[in-house]
Structures are given as structure tokens and as C-alpha cells.
Amino acid sequence: MDNWSSWAVPCCILIIALFGFLRKVPVFDTFVSGAAEGLRSSAAILPSLLGLMLAVSMLSSSGALDLLSSFLAPAARAVGIPPEVTPLILIKPVSGSGSTAVLSQIFRDYGPDSLIGRVASVLSGSTETTFYAVAVYYGAVGIKKTRHTVPAALTADFAACIFSALTVRLFFR
């Protein structure tokens, strides 16, 4: 199996190139123009990504994440969410790598098979990095107004948080 997987990507590239040649598409020129467009898109979204990375770093380093988590713990407990996962709930919409670090910390502290670990796992898999996705995808196509997108996505994330805790309590006890 390992030998087959090492040939998968080169075979896909070869098939795509052969298909392009058969359709009389200038494969190399098309590749170069696509790569140039990708670099332009990367340059366009770079300021948004830097701003998000700075915000996540400041939030974590300043202790604001811990303070906000402890402030929201009673509300989380009231809706059935273990308060220990509130840092994950707060960081997930902003940063995928930051939320992975928080998830790893939850696993170290409570274990992946504990109620807290299972809720964190389901929550992590069922929520989105909303602000990152909006910054990257909307920034790539030049959309500036996110009037309905962000509130709708955050509402979906909130529902996913509640249903993650409910699902784990109902099915994985």
C-alpha cells in the first residue's frame, strides 16, 4: 500500500497533463497563469491572515482568553457545555491551529476519552474557523461586506457547540 500511495500524486499529474494535451490545451502556459493568479490571491489575503494571527497571539498571551473563558463558564454550564471547553469555543472561530493547540491541551489535562475530551473532539469537528474562512475566501474574491455571513456562521457554531455536548451526553456516556 505504501508503494502505491507514493505513485498516486505523480500519476494524477500525468493524467491531467495527458488530458490537457489530448484536448489541445496549452498545459504549461495554463499552469503558469494559474500559479501567477494563486500568488496574486495569496498576496491579497496576506494582510487579513496577519491580522488574524496577531489577534490570536494577543488573545492568548494577554490572558484575555482565560479571563473570558472563566467569565463564560457559568453560561456554558447552564446550556450543558463543560466549562473546560470554553477556550476551544472562543478560539475555534478565529484560528484552526490555535484551536488544535487548545484541543491538545484539553486532551493532556482531561484525556481524550473523558466527557470533556469527547465534547471537545465533537465540537472541534463540527465547528468552523469562521473568521479565518471569511478572511481568506472573501478576501480572495474581493468581497468586503459580510453582513449576513458572519452572524449566520457564528449562530451555526453556537448551535454546534450545544449539540456537541448534547450528543456526547446522550450517545457516549
N, C-alpha and C. Protein backbone atom coordinates (compact mmCIF):
# COMPACT_ATOMS: atom_id res chain seq x y z
N MET A 1 0.82 -1.20 0.00
CA MET A 1 0.00 0.00 0.00
C MET A 1 0.86 1.26 0.00
N ASP A 2 1.96 1.26 0.75
CA ASP A 2 2.82 2.44 0.80
C ASP A 2 3.41 2.73 -0.58
N ASN A 3 3.77 1.69 -1.33
CA ASN A 3 4.34 1.89 -2.65
C ASN A 3 3.31 2.52 -3.59
N TRP A 4 2.06 2.07 -3.52
CA TRP A 4 1.01 2.63 -4.37
C TRP A 4 0.79 4.10 -4.06
N SER A 5 0.75 4.44 -2.77
CA SER A 5 0.47 5.82 -2.39
C SER A 5 1.56 6.77 -2.84
N SER A 6 2.79 6.31 -2.95
CA SER A 6 3.86 7.20 -3.41
C SER A 6 3.75 7.50 -4.90
N TRP A 7 3.00 6.70 -5.64
CA TRP A 7 2.79 6.93 -7.06
C TRP A 7 1.49 7.68 -7.36
N ALA A 8 0.63 7.88 -6.37
CA ALA A 8 -0.70 8.46 -6.61
C ALA A 8 -0.61 9.88 -7.17
N VAL A 9 0.15 10.75 -6.53
CA VAL A 9 0.22 12.15 -6.98
C VAL A 9 0.89 12.26 -8.35
N PRO A 10 2.04 11.62 -8.59
CA PRO A 10 2.61 11.71 -9.95
C PRO A 10 1.68 11.17 -11.03
N CYS A 11 0.95 10.11 -10.73
CA CYS A 11 0.01 9.57 -11.71
C CYS A 11 -1.13 10.55 -11.99
N CYS A 12 -1.64 11.18 -10.97
CA CYS A 12 -2.70 12.19 -11.16
C CYS A 12 -2.20 13.34 -12.02
N ILE A 13 -0.99 13.80 -11.76
CA ILE A 13 -0.43 14.90 -12.55
C ILE A 13 -0.26 14.48 -14.00
N LEU A 14 0.22 13.26 -14.21
CA LEU A 14 0.40 12.75 -15.57
C LEU A 14 -0.94 12.63 -16.29
N ILE A 15 -1.96 12.14 -15.62
CA ILE A 15 -3.29 12.01 -16.24
C ILE A 15 -3.84 13.37 -16.62
N ILE A 16 -3.69 14.35 -15.72
CA ILE A 16 -4.19 15.70 -16.01
C ILE A 16 -3.43 16.30 -17.20
N ALA A 17 -2.10 16.12 -17.23
CA ALA A 17 -1.31 16.65 -18.34
C ALA A 17 -1.69 15.98 -19.66
N LEU A 18 -1.87 14.65 -19.65
CA LEU A 18 -2.26 13.93 -20.86
C LEU A 18 -3.65 14.38 -21.34
N PHE A 19 -4.56 14.55 -20.41
CA PHE A 19 -5.91 15.01 -20.76
C PHE A 19 -5.84 16.39 -21.41
N GLY A 20 -5.01 17.27 -20.85
CA GLY A 20 -4.84 18.60 -21.41
C GLY A 20 -4.25 18.56 -22.81
N PHE A 21 -3.24 17.71 -23.01
CA PHE A 21 -2.64 17.59 -24.34
C PHE A 21 -3.65 17.06 -25.35
N LEU A 22 -4.44 16.06 -24.94
CA LEU A 22 -5.44 15.50 -25.84
C LEU A 22 -6.52 16.53 -26.20
N ARG A 23 -6.83 17.42 -25.28
CA ARG A 23 -7.84 18.46 -25.53
C ARG A 23 -7.21 19.70 -26.18
N LYS A 24 -5.91 19.61 -26.49
CA LYS A 24 -5.15 20.69 -27.13
C LYS A 24 -5.13 21.97 -26.27
N VAL A 25 -4.99 21.78 -24.97
CA VAL A 25 -4.86 22.89 -24.03
C VAL A 25 -3.37 23.16 -23.83
N PRO A 26 -2.91 24.39 -23.88
CA PRO A 26 -1.50 24.67 -23.60
C PRO A 26 -1.24 24.46 -22.09
N VAL A 27 -0.86 23.25 -21.73
CA VAL A 27 -0.79 22.83 -20.33
C VAL A 27 0.17 23.70 -19.52
N PHE A 28 1.38 23.89 -20.01
CA PHE A 28 2.35 24.65 -19.24
C PHE A 28 1.93 26.10 -19.10
N ASP A 29 1.46 26.71 -20.18
CA ASP A 29 1.01 28.12 -20.10
C ASP A 29 -0.17 28.26 -19.14
N THR A 30 -1.07 27.31 -19.16
CA THR A 30 -2.22 27.33 -18.26
C THR A 30 -1.76 27.18 -16.81
N PHE A 31 -0.78 26.30 -16.59
CA PHE A 31 -0.23 26.12 -15.25
C PHE A 31 0.42 27.40 -14.75
N VAL A 32 1.22 28.05 -15.60
CA VAL A 32 1.93 29.26 -15.21
C VAL A 32 0.93 30.39 -14.89
N SER A 33 -0.10 30.54 -15.71
CA SER A 33 -1.08 31.61 -15.44
C SER A 33 -1.86 31.30 -14.16
N GLY A 34 -2.16 30.03 -13.90
CA GLY A 34 -2.83 29.65 -12.65
C GLY A 34 -1.95 29.90 -11.44
N ALA A 35 -0.66 29.60 -11.56
CA ALA A 35 0.26 29.84 -10.45
C ALA A 35 0.40 31.34 -10.18
N ALA A 36 0.44 32.14 -11.24
CA ALA A 36 0.53 33.60 -11.05
C ALA A 36 -0.73 34.13 -10.37
N GLU A 37 -1.89 33.62 -10.77
CA GLU A 37 -3.15 34.04 -10.13
C GLU A 37 -3.18 33.61 -8.66
N GLY A 38 -2.65 32.43 -8.37
CA GLY A 38 -2.57 31.97 -6.98
C GLY A 38 -1.69 32.86 -6.13
N LEU A 39 -0.57 33.30 -6.69
CA LEU A 39 0.31 34.22 -5.96
C LEU A 39 -0.36 35.57 -5.71
N ARG A 40 -1.11 36.07 -6.71
CA ARG A 40 -1.84 37.33 -6.52
C ARG A 40 -2.89 37.17 -5.42
N SER A 41 -3.59 36.04 -5.41
CA SER A 41 -4.59 35.79 -4.36
C SER A 41 -3.93 35.71 -2.99
N SER A 42 -2.79 35.04 -2.92
CA SER A 42 -2.06 34.94 -1.65
C SER A 42 -1.64 36.31 -1.15
N ALA A 43 -1.16 37.15 -2.05
CA ALA A 43 -0.75 38.49 -1.65
C ALA A 43 -1.96 39.32 -1.20
N ALA A 44 -3.11 39.09 -1.82
CA ALA A 44 -4.31 39.87 -1.46
C ALA A 44 -4.83 39.50 -0.08
N ILE A 45 -4.71 38.23 0.31
CA ILE A 45 -5.27 37.82 1.61
C ILE A 45 -4.25 37.88 2.74
N LEU A 46 -3.00 38.14 2.42
CA LEU A 46 -1.95 38.17 3.44
C LEU A 46 -2.23 39.16 4.58
N PRO A 47 -2.67 40.38 4.32
CA PRO A 47 -2.94 41.31 5.43
C PRO A 47 -4.01 40.77 6.39
N SER A 48 -5.06 40.17 5.86
CA SER A 48 -6.11 39.61 6.72
C SER A 48 -5.57 38.48 7.58
N LEU A 49 -4.76 37.61 6.98
CA LEU A 49 -4.19 36.50 7.74
C LEU A 49 -3.24 36.99 8.82
N LEU A 50 -2.44 37.99 8.51
CA LEU A 50 -1.53 38.54 9.52
C LEU A 50 -2.31 39.16 10.68
N GLY A 51 -3.39 39.86 10.35
CA GLY A 51 -4.23 40.45 11.40
C GLY A 51 -4.84 39.38 12.29
N LEU A 52 -5.33 38.29 11.70
CA LEU A 52 -5.90 37.20 12.49
C LEU A 52 -4.85 36.54 13.37
N MET A 53 -3.66 36.31 12.82
CA MET A 53 -2.60 35.67 13.61
C MET A 53 -2.18 36.57 14.77
N LEU A 54 -2.11 37.86 14.53
CA LEU A 54 -1.77 38.81 15.59
C LEU A 54 -2.84 38.81 16.67
N ALA A 55 -4.11 38.80 16.26
CA ALA A 55 -5.21 38.81 17.23
C ALA A 55 -5.19 37.55 18.10
N VAL A 56 -4.95 36.41 17.50
CA VAL A 56 -4.90 35.15 18.26
C VAL A 56 -3.73 35.17 19.24
N SER A 57 -2.60 35.62 18.78
CA SER A 57 -1.42 35.69 19.66
C SER A 57 -1.67 36.63 20.83
N MET A 58 -2.24 37.79 20.57
CA MET A 58 -2.51 38.76 21.63
C MET A 58 -3.55 38.21 22.61
N LEU A 59 -4.58 37.55 22.08
CA LEU A 59 -5.63 37.00 22.92
C LEU A 59 -5.08 35.94 23.87
N SER A 60 -4.23 35.09 23.35
CA SER A 60 -3.66 34.02 24.18
C SER A 60 -2.62 34.55 25.15
N SER A 61 -1.73 35.38 24.67
CA SER A 61 -0.62 35.86 25.50
C SER A 61 -1.07 36.81 26.61
N SER A 62 -2.09 37.58 26.36
CA SER A 62 -2.52 38.57 27.35
C SER A 62 -3.31 37.98 28.50
N GLY A 63 -3.76 36.75 28.34
CA GLY A 63 -4.59 36.14 29.37
C GLY A 63 -6.07 36.45 29.18
N ALA A 64 -6.40 37.20 28.14
CA ALA A 64 -7.79 37.56 27.88
C ALA A 64 -8.63 36.33 27.56
N LEU A 65 -8.04 35.34 26.91
CA LEU A 65 -8.77 34.12 26.59
C LEU A 65 -9.18 33.39 27.87
N ASP A 66 -8.25 33.30 28.83
CA ASP A 66 -8.57 32.65 30.10
C ASP A 66 -9.60 33.45 30.89
N LEU A 67 -9.47 34.76 30.88
CA LEU A 67 -10.41 35.61 31.59
C LEU A 67 -11.82 35.50 31.00
N LEU A 68 -11.90 35.56 29.68
CA LEU A 68 -13.19 35.44 29.01
C LEU A 68 -13.79 34.04 29.21
N SER A 69 -12.94 33.02 29.20
CA SER A 69 -13.41 31.65 29.43
C SER A 69 -14.00 31.50 30.82
N SER A 70 -13.34 32.04 31.82
CA SER A 70 -13.86 31.94 33.19
C SER A 70 -15.14 32.76 33.36
N PHE A 71 -15.26 33.87 32.63
CA PHE A 71 -16.47 34.67 32.67
C PHE A 71 -17.66 33.94 32.05
N LEU A 72 -17.39 33.18 30.95
CA LEU A 72 -18.45 32.47 30.25
C LEU A 72 -18.74 31.07 30.80
N ALA A 73 -17.94 30.60 31.75
CA ALA A 73 -18.11 29.25 32.30
C ALA A 73 -19.51 29.00 32.87
N PRO A 74 -20.09 29.92 33.66
CA PRO A 74 -21.44 29.66 34.17
C PRO A 74 -22.49 29.53 33.06
N ALA A 75 -22.37 30.35 32.03
CA ALA A 75 -23.32 30.26 30.91
C ALA A 75 -23.14 28.94 30.16
N ALA A 76 -21.89 28.51 29.99
CA ALA A 76 -21.64 27.23 29.32
C ALA A 76 -22.22 26.08 30.13
N ARG A 77 -22.00 26.13 31.41
CA ARG A 77 -22.54 25.09 32.30
C ARG A 77 -24.07 25.06 32.23
N ALA A 78 -24.69 26.23 32.14
CA ALA A 78 -26.15 26.32 32.10
C ALA A 78 -26.75 25.68 30.84
N VAL A 79 -26.02 25.73 29.72
CA VAL A 79 -26.54 25.11 28.50
C VAL A 79 -25.99 23.70 28.29
N GLY A 80 -25.28 23.18 29.27
CA GLY A 80 -24.81 21.80 29.21
C GLY A 80 -23.44 21.58 28.61
N ILE A 81 -22.71 22.65 28.40
CA ILE A 81 -21.35 22.54 27.85
C ILE A 81 -20.37 22.53 29.01
N PRO A 82 -19.44 21.56 29.05
CA PRO A 82 -18.42 21.59 30.10
C PRO A 82 -17.62 22.89 30.02
N PRO A 83 -17.49 23.60 31.12
CA PRO A 83 -16.78 24.90 31.08
C PRO A 83 -15.33 24.78 30.64
N GLU A 84 -14.75 23.60 30.75
CA GLU A 84 -13.35 23.41 30.37
C GLU A 84 -13.14 23.55 28.86
N VAL A 85 -14.22 23.46 28.07
CA VAL A 85 -14.06 23.59 26.62
C VAL A 85 -14.34 25.00 26.11
N THR A 86 -14.65 25.93 27.01
CA THR A 86 -14.92 27.30 26.56
C THR A 86 -13.72 27.96 25.86
N PRO A 87 -12.47 27.69 26.26
CA PRO A 87 -11.37 28.27 25.46
C PRO A 87 -11.39 27.77 24.01
N LEU A 88 -11.75 26.51 23.82
CA LEU A 88 -11.84 25.97 22.47
C LEU A 88 -12.97 26.65 21.69
N ILE A 89 -14.09 26.87 22.35
CA ILE A 89 -15.22 27.55 21.70
C ILE A 89 -14.84 28.96 21.27
N LEU A 90 -14.06 29.63 22.09
CA LEU A 90 -13.69 31.02 21.79
C LEU A 90 -12.62 31.13 20.70
N ILE A 91 -11.70 30.18 20.65
CA ILE A 91 -10.57 30.30 19.71
C ILE A 91 -10.87 29.67 18.36
N LYS A 92 -11.77 28.68 18.31
CA LYS A 92 -12.05 27.97 17.07
C LYS A 92 -12.52 28.87 15.92
N PRO A 93 -13.41 29.85 16.13
CA PRO A 93 -13.82 30.70 15.00
C PRO A 93 -12.70 31.55 14.43
N VAL A 94 -11.63 31.72 15.18
CA VAL A 94 -10.56 32.61 14.76
C VAL A 94 -9.38 31.86 14.16
N SER A 95 -9.01 30.72 14.75
CA SER A 95 -7.76 30.07 14.36
C SER A 95 -7.86 28.55 14.44
N GLY A 96 -7.59 27.90 13.34
CA GLY A 96 -7.56 26.44 13.32
C GLY A 96 -6.38 25.89 14.09
N SER A 97 -5.21 26.47 13.91
CA SER A 97 -4.03 25.96 14.62
C SER A 97 -4.11 26.29 16.10
N GLY A 98 -4.66 27.46 16.44
CA GLY A 98 -4.84 27.80 17.85
C GLY A 98 -5.83 26.86 18.52
N SER A 99 -6.90 26.51 17.81
CA SER A 99 -7.88 25.59 18.38
C SER A 99 -7.31 24.18 18.51
N THR A 100 -6.43 23.80 17.60
CA THR A 100 -5.79 22.49 17.72
C THR A 100 -4.88 22.45 18.94
N ALA A 101 -4.20 23.55 19.22
CA ALA A 101 -3.36 23.62 20.42
C ALA A 101 -4.21 23.53 21.68
N VAL A 102 -5.34 24.22 21.71
CA VAL A 102 -6.24 24.16 22.86
C VAL A 102 -6.81 22.76 23.01
N LEU A 103 -7.18 22.13 21.89
CA LEU A 103 -7.70 20.76 21.92
C LEU A 103 -6.66 19.79 22.47
N SER A 104 -5.42 19.95 22.05
CA SER A 104 -4.34 19.10 22.57
C SER A 104 -4.16 19.29 24.07
N GLN A 105 -4.27 20.52 24.52
CA GLN A 105 -4.16 20.80 25.96
C GLN A 105 -5.31 20.14 26.73
N ILE A 106 -6.51 20.19 26.18
CA ILE A 106 -7.66 19.53 26.81
C ILE A 106 -7.41 18.03 26.90
N PHE A 107 -6.87 17.45 25.83
CA PHE A 107 -6.57 16.01 25.85
C PHE A 107 -5.52 15.69 26.90
N ARG A 108 -4.50 16.53 27.04
CA ARG A 108 -3.46 16.30 28.05
C ARG A 108 -4.03 16.41 29.46
N ASP A 109 -4.89 17.40 29.66
CA ASP A 109 -5.41 17.63 31.01
C ASP A 109 -6.50 16.65 31.42
N TYR A 110 -7.39 16.30 30.49
CA TYR A 110 -8.57 15.51 30.87
C TYR A 110 -8.65 14.15 30.18
N GLY A 111 -7.85 13.94 29.14
CA GLY A 111 -7.87 12.70 28.39
C GLY A 111 -8.89 12.74 27.26
N PRO A 112 -8.58 12.08 26.16
CA PRO A 112 -9.49 12.13 25.00
C PRO A 112 -10.78 11.33 25.22
N ASP A 113 -10.78 10.37 26.15
CA ASP A 113 -11.96 9.55 26.37
C ASP A 113 -12.84 10.04 27.52
N SER A 114 -12.47 11.15 28.13
CA SER A 114 -13.30 11.73 29.18
C SER A 114 -14.48 12.45 28.53
N LEU A 115 -15.46 12.81 29.32
CA LEU A 115 -16.59 13.58 28.80
C LEU A 115 -16.11 14.88 28.18
N ILE A 116 -15.20 15.55 28.87
CA ILE A 116 -14.66 16.82 28.37
C ILE A 116 -13.91 16.61 27.06
N GLY A 117 -13.08 15.58 27.00
CA GLY A 117 -12.33 15.29 25.79
C GLY A 117 -13.23 14.93 24.61
N ARG A 118 -14.27 14.17 24.88
CA ARG A 118 -15.19 13.80 23.80
C ARG A 118 -15.99 14.99 23.31
N VAL A 119 -16.47 15.81 24.23
CA VAL A 119 -17.20 17.01 23.82
C VAL A 119 -16.27 17.92 23.00
N ALA A 120 -15.04 18.07 23.45
CA ALA A 120 -14.08 18.91 22.72
C ALA A 120 -13.81 18.34 21.33
N SER A 121 -13.72 17.02 21.21
CA SER A 121 -13.49 16.40 19.91
C SER A 121 -14.64 16.64 18.95
N VAL A 122 -15.85 16.38 19.42
CA VAL A 122 -17.02 16.57 18.57
C VAL A 122 -17.19 18.04 18.22
N LEU A 123 -16.99 18.91 19.19
CA LEU A 123 -17.10 20.34 18.98
C LEU A 123 -16.07 20.82 17.95
N SER A 124 -14.86 20.33 18.07
CA SER A 124 -13.80 20.74 17.15
C SER A 124 -14.11 20.30 15.72
N GLY A 125 -14.70 19.13 15.59
CA GLY A 125 -15.02 18.63 14.26
C GLY A 125 -16.28 19.22 13.65
N SER A 126 -17.13 19.81 14.48
CA SER A 126 -18.41 20.29 13.96
C SER A 126 -18.51 21.81 13.89
N THR A 127 -17.47 22.52 14.25
CA THR A 127 -17.47 23.97 14.13
C THR A 127 -16.47 24.41 13.07
N GLU A 128 -16.55 25.64 12.68
CA GLU A 128 -15.73 26.17 11.59
C GLU A 128 -14.85 27.31 12.07
N THR A 129 -13.74 27.51 11.40
CA THR A 129 -12.90 28.67 11.66
C THR A 129 -13.49 29.84 10.87
N THR A 130 -14.57 30.37 11.39
CA THR A 130 -15.42 31.34 10.68
C THR A 130 -14.64 32.55 10.19
N PHE A 131 -13.96 33.23 11.09
CA PHE A 131 -13.28 34.46 10.70
C PHE A 131 -12.13 34.19 9.75
N TYR A 132 -11.44 33.08 9.94
CA TYR A 132 -10.37 32.69 9.01
C TYR A 132 -10.94 32.43 7.63
N ALA A 133 -12.02 31.65 7.57
CA ALA A 133 -12.62 31.33 6.27
C ALA A 133 -13.13 32.58 5.57
N VAL A 134 -13.77 33.47 6.31
CA VAL A 134 -14.27 34.71 5.70
C VAL A 134 -13.10 35.55 5.21
N ALA A 135 -12.05 35.66 6.02
CA ALA A 135 -10.89 36.47 5.61
C ALA A 135 -10.24 35.91 4.36
N VAL A 136 -10.08 34.60 4.31
CA VAL A 136 -9.38 34.00 3.18
C VAL A 136 -10.25 33.98 1.92
N TYR A 137 -11.44 33.43 2.02
CA TYR A 137 -12.25 33.24 0.82
C TYR A 137 -12.88 34.54 0.33
N TYR A 138 -13.38 35.33 1.23
CA TYR A 138 -13.95 36.60 0.79
C TYR A 138 -12.84 37.55 0.34
N GLY A 139 -11.71 37.51 1.03
CA GLY A 139 -10.58 38.35 0.64
C GLY A 139 -10.04 37.96 -0.73
N ALA A 140 -10.08 36.67 -1.05
CA ALA A 140 -9.55 36.22 -2.33
C ALA A 140 -10.37 36.72 -3.51
N VAL A 141 -11.66 36.89 -3.30
CA VAL A 141 -12.51 37.35 -4.40
C VAL A 141 -12.92 38.81 -4.26
N GLY A 142 -12.44 39.48 -3.22
CA GLY A 142 -12.65 40.91 -3.06
C GLY A 142 -13.97 41.32 -2.44
N ILE A 143 -14.64 40.42 -1.74
CA ILE A 143 -15.89 40.78 -1.08
C ILE A 143 -15.56 41.50 0.22
N LYS A 144 -16.14 42.65 0.42
CA LYS A 144 -15.88 43.45 1.62
C LYS A 144 -17.01 43.36 2.64
N LYS A 145 -18.24 43.22 2.19
CA LYS A 145 -19.39 43.22 3.08
C LYS A 145 -19.76 41.79 3.48
N THR A 146 -19.72 41.54 4.77
CA THR A 146 -20.05 40.21 5.28
C THR A 146 -21.27 40.29 6.19
N ARG A 147 -22.21 41.09 5.78
CA ARG A 147 -23.36 41.44 6.61
C ARG A 147 -24.07 40.23 7.22
N HIS A 148 -24.38 39.24 6.43
CA HIS A 148 -25.14 38.09 6.93
C HIS A 148 -24.26 36.87 7.18
N THR A 149 -23.11 36.82 6.56
CA THR A 149 -22.27 35.63 6.64
C THR A 149 -21.78 35.37 8.05
N VAL A 150 -21.16 36.34 8.66
CA VAL A 150 -20.56 36.14 9.98
C VAL A 150 -21.61 35.82 11.05
N PRO A 151 -22.70 36.57 11.15
CA PRO A 151 -23.71 36.19 12.15
C PRO A 151 -24.30 34.80 11.92
N ALA A 152 -24.55 34.45 10.67
CA ALA A 152 -25.10 33.13 10.38
C ALA A 152 -24.11 32.03 10.73
N ALA A 153 -22.84 32.23 10.39
CA ALA A 153 -21.82 31.22 10.69
C ALA A 153 -21.60 31.09 12.20
N LEU A 154 -21.59 32.21 12.91
CA LEU A 154 -21.42 32.14 14.37
C LEU A 154 -22.63 31.51 15.06
N THR A 155 -23.81 31.73 14.52
CA THR A 155 -25.00 31.06 15.04
C THR A 155 -24.90 29.56 14.84
N ALA A 156 -24.44 29.15 13.67
CA ALA A 156 -24.24 27.72 13.41
C ALA A 156 -23.18 27.14 14.34
N ASP A 157 -22.11 27.88 14.59
CA ASP A 157 -21.09 27.41 15.53
C ASP A 157 -21.64 27.26 16.93
N PHE A 158 -22.46 28.22 17.36
CA PHE A 158 -23.06 28.15 18.69
C PHE A 158 -23.98 26.93 18.80
N ALA A 159 -24.78 26.70 17.77
CA ALA A 159 -25.66 25.51 17.77
C ALA A 159 -24.82 24.24 17.80
N ALA A 160 -23.72 24.22 17.06
CA ALA A 160 -22.85 23.04 17.05
C ALA A 160 -22.24 22.80 18.43
N CYS A 161 -21.92 23.86 19.14
CA CYS A 161 -21.38 23.70 20.50
C CYS A 161 -22.40 23.04 21.42
N ILE A 162 -23.62 23.52 21.38
CA ILE A 162 -24.66 22.96 22.24
C ILE A 162 -24.95 21.51 21.85
N PHE A 163 -25.10 21.25 20.56
CA PHE A 163 -25.42 19.90 20.12
C PHE A 163 -24.25 18.94 20.28
N SER A 164 -23.03 19.44 20.27
CA SER A 164 -21.87 18.58 20.54
C SER A 164 -21.95 18.03 21.95
N ALA A 165 -22.19 18.91 22.91
CA ALA A 165 -22.30 18.48 24.30
C ALA A 165 -23.50 17.55 24.49
N LEU A 166 -24.62 17.89 23.88
CA LEU A 166 -25.82 17.07 24.00
C LEU A 166 -25.61 15.68 23.39
N THR A 167 -25.01 15.63 22.21
CA THR A 167 -24.76 14.36 21.53
C THR A 167 -23.85 13.47 22.35
N VAL A 168 -22.78 14.02 22.86
CA VAL A 168 -21.85 13.21 23.66
C VAL A 168 -22.54 12.70 24.93
N ARG A 169 -23.31 13.55 25.57
CA ARG A 169 -24.02 13.12 26.79
C ARG A 169 -25.04 12.03 26.49
N LEU A 170 -25.72 12.11 25.35
CA LEU A 170 -26.76 11.14 25.02
C LEU A 170 -26.20 9.82 24.51
N PHE A 171 -25.17 9.86 23.70
CA PHE A 171 -24.72 8.66 22.99
C PHE A 171 -23.39 8.07 23.47
N PHE A 172 -22.60 8.82 24.19
CA PHE A 172 -21.26 8.33 24.51
C PHE A 172 -20.97 8.29 25.99
N ARG A 173 -21.96 8.10 26.80
CA ARG A 173 -21.75 8.02 28.24
C ARG A 173 -21.34 6.66 28.63
